[in-house]
PDB file of N, CA and C in Angstrom:
ATOM      1  N   UNK A   1     -38.195  30.172  21.930  1.00  0.00           N
ATOM      2  CA  UNK A   1     -36.824  30.540  22.243  1.00  0.00           C
ATOM      3  C   UNK A   1     -36.796  31.120  23.659  1.00  0.00           C
ATOM      4  N   UNK A   2     -35.920  30.587  24.492  1.00  0.00           N
ATOM      5  CA  UNK A   2     -35.857  31.071  25.869  1.00  0.00           C
ATOM      6  C   UNK A   2     -34.920  32.278  25.991  1.00  0.00           C
ATOM      7  N   UNK A   3     -34.862  32.867  27.169  1.00  0.00           N
ATOM      8  CA  UNK A   3     -34.077  34.085  27.390  1.00  0.00           C
ATOM      9  C   UNK A   3     -32.586  33.872  27.190  1.00  0.00           C
ATOM     10  N   UNK A   4     -32.058  32.713  27.605  1.00  0.00           N
ATOM     11  CA  UNK A   4     -30.621  32.450  27.443  1.00  0.00           C
ATOM     12  C   UNK A   4     -30.246  32.386  25.968  1.00  0.00           C
ATOM     13  N   UNK A   5     -31.099  31.777  25.162  1.00  0.00           N
ATOM     14  CA  UNK A   5     -30.824  31.694  23.725  1.00  0.00           C
ATOM     15  C   UNK A   5     -30.894  33.072  23.079  1.00  0.00           C
ATOM     16  N   UNK A   6     -31.879  33.870  23.464  1.00  0.00           N
ATOM     17  CA  UNK A   6     -31.990  35.237  22.948  1.00  0.00           C
ATOM     18  C   UNK A   6     -30.771  36.063  23.340  1.00  0.00           C
ATOM     19  N   UNK A   7     -30.313  35.904  24.573  1.00  0.00           N
ATOM     20  CA  UNK A   7     -29.141  36.631  25.062  1.00  0.00           C
ATOM     21  C   UNK A   7     -27.888  36.224  24.283  1.00  0.00           C
ATOM     22  N   UNK A   8     -27.738  34.931  24.024  1.00  0.00           N
ATOM     23  CA  UNK A   8     -26.577  34.453  23.263  1.00  0.00           C
ATOM     24  C   UNK A   8     -26.609  34.984  21.835  1.00  0.00           C
ATOM     25  N   UNK A   9     -27.758  34.956  21.200  1.00  0.00           N
ATOM     26  CA  UNK A   9     -27.889  35.483  19.838  1.00  0.00           C
ATOM     27  C   UNK A   9     -27.587  36.977  19.790  1.00  0.00           C
ATOM     28  N   UNK A  10     -28.027  37.709  20.779  1.00  0.00           N
ATOM     29  CA  UNK A  10     -27.759  39.145  20.840  1.00  0.00           C
ATOM     30  C   UNK A  10     -26.266  39.411  21.001  1.00  0.00           C
ATOM     31  N   UNK A  11     -25.578  38.614  21.822  1.00  0.00           N
ATOM     32  CA  UNK A  11     -24.132  38.784  22.005  1.00  0.00           C
ATOM     33  C   UNK A  11     -23.374  38.509  20.711  1.00  0.00           C
ATOM     34  N   UNK A  12     -23.785  37.482  19.990  1.00  0.00           N
ATOM     35  CA  UNK A  12     -23.142  37.171  18.707  1.00  0.00           C
ATOM     36  C   UNK A  12     -23.382  38.302  17.713  1.00  0.00           C
ATOM     37  N   UNK A  13     -24.620  38.774  17.624  1.00  0.00           N
ATOM     38  CA  UNK A  13     -24.942  39.874  16.714  1.00  0.00           C
ATOM     39  C   UNK A  13     -24.148  41.119  17.068  1.00  0.00           C
ATOM     40  N   UNK A  14     -24.065  41.434  18.336  1.00  0.00           N
ATOM     41  CA  UNK A  14     -23.333  42.619  18.786  1.00  0.00           C
ATOM     42  C   UNK A  14     -21.848  42.497  18.460  1.00  0.00           C
ATOM     43  N   UNK A  15     -21.248  41.329  18.678  1.00  0.00           N
ATOM     44  CA  UNK A  15     -19.826  41.139  18.378  1.00  0.00           C
ATOM     45  C   UNK A  15     -19.581  41.278  16.877  1.00  0.00           C
ATOM     46  N   UNK A  16     -20.443  40.679  16.061  1.00  0.00           N
ATOM     47  CA  UNK A  16     -20.293  40.793  14.611  1.00  0.00           C
ATOM     48  C   UNK A  16     -20.382  42.244  14.165  1.00  0.00           C
ATOM     49  N   UNK A  17     -21.370  42.961  14.658  1.00  0.00           N
ATOM     50  CA  UNK A  17     -21.551  44.356  14.244  1.00  0.00           C
ATOM     51  C   UNK A  17     -20.447  45.263  14.768  1.00  0.00           C
ATOM     52  N   UNK A  18     -20.135  45.168  16.046  1.00  0.00           N
ATOM     53  CA  UNK A  18     -19.188  46.092  16.669  1.00  0.00           C
ATOM     54  C   UNK A  18     -17.741  45.808  16.290  1.00  0.00           C
ATOM     55  N   UNK A  19     -17.347  44.548  16.353  1.00  0.00           N
ATOM     56  CA  UNK A  19     -15.938  44.223  16.146  1.00  0.00           C
ATOM     57  C   UNK A  19     -15.632  43.866  14.696  1.00  0.00           C
ATOM     58  N   UNK A  20     -16.347  42.911  14.143  1.00  0.00           N
ATOM     59  CA  UNK A  20     -15.995  42.409  12.825  1.00  0.00           C
ATOM     60  C   UNK A  20     -16.311  43.387  11.704  1.00  0.00           C
ATOM     61  N   UNK A  21     -17.456  44.018  11.717  1.00  0.00           N
ATOM     62  CA  UNK A  21     -17.831  44.884  10.602  1.00  0.00           C
ATOM     63  C   UNK A  21     -17.076  46.213  10.603  1.00  0.00           C
ATOM     64  N   UNK A  22     -16.605  46.651  11.744  1.00  0.00           N
ATOM     65  CA  UNK A  22     -15.909  47.940  11.827  1.00  0.00           C
ATOM     66  C   UNK A  22     -14.380  47.811  11.828  1.00  0.00           C
ATOM     67  N   UNK A  23     -13.859  46.702  12.338  1.00  0.00           N
ATOM     68  CA  UNK A  23     -12.411  46.577  12.511  1.00  0.00           C
ATOM     69  C   UNK A  23     -11.784  45.460  11.694  1.00  0.00           C
ATOM     70  N   UNK A  24     -12.595  44.610  11.095  1.00  0.00           N
ATOM     71  CA  UNK A  24     -12.075  43.439  10.383  1.00  0.00           C
ATOM     72  C   UNK A  24     -12.648  43.394   8.967  1.00  0.00           C
ATOM     73  N   UNK A  25     -11.919  42.716   8.087  1.00  0.00           N
ATOM     74  CA  UNK A  25     -12.390  42.440   6.734  1.00  0.00           C
ATOM     75  C   UNK A  25     -12.997  41.043   6.794  1.00  0.00           C
ATOM     76  N   UNK A  26     -14.308  40.958   6.830  1.00  0.00           N
ATOM     77  CA  UNK A  26     -15.010  39.714   7.144  1.00  0.00           C
ATOM     78  C   UNK A  26     -15.321  38.909   5.885  1.00  0.00           C
ATOM     79  N   UNK A  27     -14.928  37.637   5.893  1.00  0.00           N
ATOM     80  CA  UNK A  27     -15.213  36.706   4.801  1.00  0.00           C
ATOM     81  C   UNK A  27     -15.924  35.487   5.378  1.00  0.00           C
ATOM     82  N   UNK A  28     -16.964  35.036   4.712  1.00  0.00           N
ATOM     83  CA  UNK A  28     -17.632  33.798   5.090  1.00  0.00           C
ATOM     84  C   UNK A  28     -17.133  32.681   4.190  1.00  0.00           C
ATOM     85  N   UNK A  29     -16.776  31.558   4.769  1.00  0.00           N
ATOM     86  CA  UNK A  29     -16.373  30.378   4.010  1.00  0.00           C
ATOM     87  C   UNK A  29     -17.629  29.523   3.857  1.00  0.00           C
ATOM     88  N   UNK A  30     -18.024  29.325   2.611  1.00  0.00           N
ATOM     89  CA  UNK A  30     -19.277  28.644   2.318  1.00  0.00           C
ATOM     90  C   UNK A  30     -19.010  27.212   1.864  1.00  0.00           C
ATOM     91  N   UNK A  31     -19.969  26.349   2.089  1.00  0.00           N
ATOM     92  CA  UNK A  31     -19.859  24.971   1.647  1.00  0.00           C
ATOM     93  C   UNK A  31     -21.237  24.374   1.449  1.00  0.00           C
ATOM     94  N   UNK A  32     -21.260  23.211   0.830  1.00  0.00           N
ATOM     95  CA  UNK A  32     -22.520  22.500   0.654  1.00  0.00           C
ATOM     96  C   UNK A  32     -22.269  21.008   0.808  1.00  0.00           C
ATOM     97  N   UNK A  33     -23.338  20.249   0.759  1.00  0.00           N
ATOM     98  CA  UNK A  33     -23.255  18.801   0.863  1.00  0.00           C
ATOM     99  C   UNK A  33     -23.437  18.184  -0.511  1.00  0.00           C
ATOM    100  N   UNK A  34     -22.805  17.056  -0.724  1.00  0.00           N
ATOM    101  CA  UNK A  34     -22.908  16.377  -2.012  1.00  0.00           C
ATOM    102  C   UNK A  34     -24.365  16.088  -2.376  1.00  0.00           C
ATOM    103  N   UNK A  35     -25.161  15.726  -1.400  1.00  0.00           N
ATOM    104  CA  UNK A  35     -26.566  15.401  -1.660  1.00  0.00           C
ATOM    105  C   UNK A  35     -27.457  16.637  -1.789  1.00  0.00           C
ATOM    106  N   UNK A  36     -26.947  17.833  -1.444  1.00  0.00           N
ATOM    107  CA  UNK A  36     -27.714  19.082  -1.536  1.00  0.00           C
ATOM    108  C   UNK A  36     -26.841  20.135  -2.211  1.00  0.00           C
ATOM    109  N   UNK A  37     -26.591  19.954  -3.482  1.00  0.00           N
ATOM    110  CA  UNK A  37     -25.628  20.797  -4.199  1.00  0.00           C
ATOM    111  C   UNK A  37     -26.063  22.248  -4.349  1.00  0.00           C
ATOM    112  N   UNK A  38     -27.334  22.545  -4.245  1.00  0.00           N
ATOM    113  CA  UNK A  38     -27.815  23.918  -4.411  1.00  0.00           C
ATOM    114  C   UNK A  38     -28.056  24.624  -3.081  1.00  0.00           C
ATOM    115  N   UNK A  39     -27.800  23.973  -1.972  1.00  0.00           N
ATOM    116  CA  UNK A  39     -27.969  24.579  -0.648  1.00  0.00           C
ATOM    117  C   UNK A  39     -26.598  24.836  -0.048  1.00  0.00           C
ATOM    118  N   UNK A  40     -26.355  26.069   0.342  1.00  0.00           N
ATOM    119  CA  UNK A  40     -25.067  26.441   0.912  1.00  0.00           C
ATOM    120  C   UNK A  40     -25.233  26.852   2.362  1.00  0.00           C
ATOM    121  N   UNK A  41     -24.155  26.685   3.138  1.00  0.00           N
ATOM    122  CA  UNK A  41     -24.154  27.084   4.538  1.00  0.00           C
ATOM    123  C   UNK A  41     -22.789  27.679   4.879  1.00  0.00           C
ATOM    124  N   UNK A  42     -22.763  28.480   5.917  1.00  0.00           N
ATOM    125  CA  UNK A  42     -21.503  29.040   6.393  1.00  0.00           C
ATOM    126  C   UNK A  42     -20.805  27.958   7.206  1.00  0.00           C
ATOM    127  N   UNK A  43     -19.581  27.592   6.789  1.00  0.00           N
ATOM    128  CA  UNK A  43     -18.827  26.582   7.525  1.00  0.00           C
ATOM    129  C   UNK A  43     -17.635  27.182   8.255  1.00  0.00           C
ATOM    130  N   UNK A  44     -17.410  28.476   8.054  1.00  0.00           N
ATOM    131  CA  UNK A  44     -16.318  29.136   8.755  1.00  0.00           C
ATOM    132  C   UNK A  44     -16.286  30.615   8.420  1.00  0.00           C
ATOM    133  N   UNK A  45     -15.506  31.356   9.196  1.00  0.00           N
ATOM    134  CA  UNK A  45     -15.308  32.775   8.911  1.00  0.00           C
ATOM    135  C   UNK A  45     -13.820  33.074   8.962  1.00  0.00           C
ATOM    136  N   UNK A  46     -13.411  34.043   8.174  1.00  0.00           N
ATOM    137  CA  UNK A  46     -12.025  34.506   8.114  1.00  0.00           C
ATOM    138  C   UNK A  46     -12.082  36.008   8.278  1.00  0.00           C
ATOM    139  N   UNK A  47     -11.335  36.572   9.222  1.00  0.00           N
ATOM    140  CA  UNK A  47     -11.456  37.992   9.522  1.00  0.00           C
ATOM    141  C   UNK A  47     -10.104  38.645   9.761  1.00  0.00           C
ATOM    142  N   UNK A  48      -9.351  38.905   8.665  1.00  0.00           N
ATOM    143  CA  UNK A  48      -8.086  39.628   8.819  1.00  0.00           C
ATOM    144  C   UNK A  48      -8.354  41.091   9.195  1.00  0.00           C
ATOM    145  N   UNK A  49      -7.350  41.794   9.705  1.00  0.00           N
ATOM    146  CA  UNK A  49      -7.536  43.217  10.037  1.00  0.00           C
ATOM    147  C   UNK A  49      -7.932  44.020   8.807  1.00  0.00           C
ATOM    148  N   UNK A  50      -8.768  45.001   9.004  1.00  0.00           N
ATOM    149  CA  UNK A  50      -9.206  45.876   7.934  1.00  0.00           C
ATOM    150  C   UNK A  50      -8.083  46.854   7.599  1.00  0.00           C
ATOM    151  N   UNK A  51      -7.701  46.899   6.333  1.00  0.00           N
ATOM    152  CA  UNK A  51      -6.641  47.803   5.888  1.00  0.00           C
ATOM    153  C   UNK A  51      -7.298  48.984   5.185  1.00  0.00           C
ATOM    154  N   UNK A  52      -7.152  50.153   5.772  1.00  0.00           N
ATOM    155  CA  UNK A  52      -7.753  51.366   5.210  1.00  0.00           C
ATOM    156  C   UNK A  52      -6.733  52.041   4.305  1.00  0.00           C
ATOM    157  N   UNK A  53      -7.184  52.367   3.087  1.00  0.00           N
ATOM    158  CA  UNK A  53      -6.286  53.006   2.116  1.00  0.00           C
ATOM    159  C   UNK A  53      -6.629  54.453   1.955  1.00  0.00           C
TER     160      UNK A  53
END
């Protein structure tokens, strides 16, 4: 893994931790393939504002 890839991964991790986990209600949309019914992958994310009660 080169430095640019490490930097990109760090930016994604930082955005997820700082913005999504603290300010958003984070949902992963999961899916699988017909030929691999027991293997799931993230195909999208949904992140509405976090509502504090």
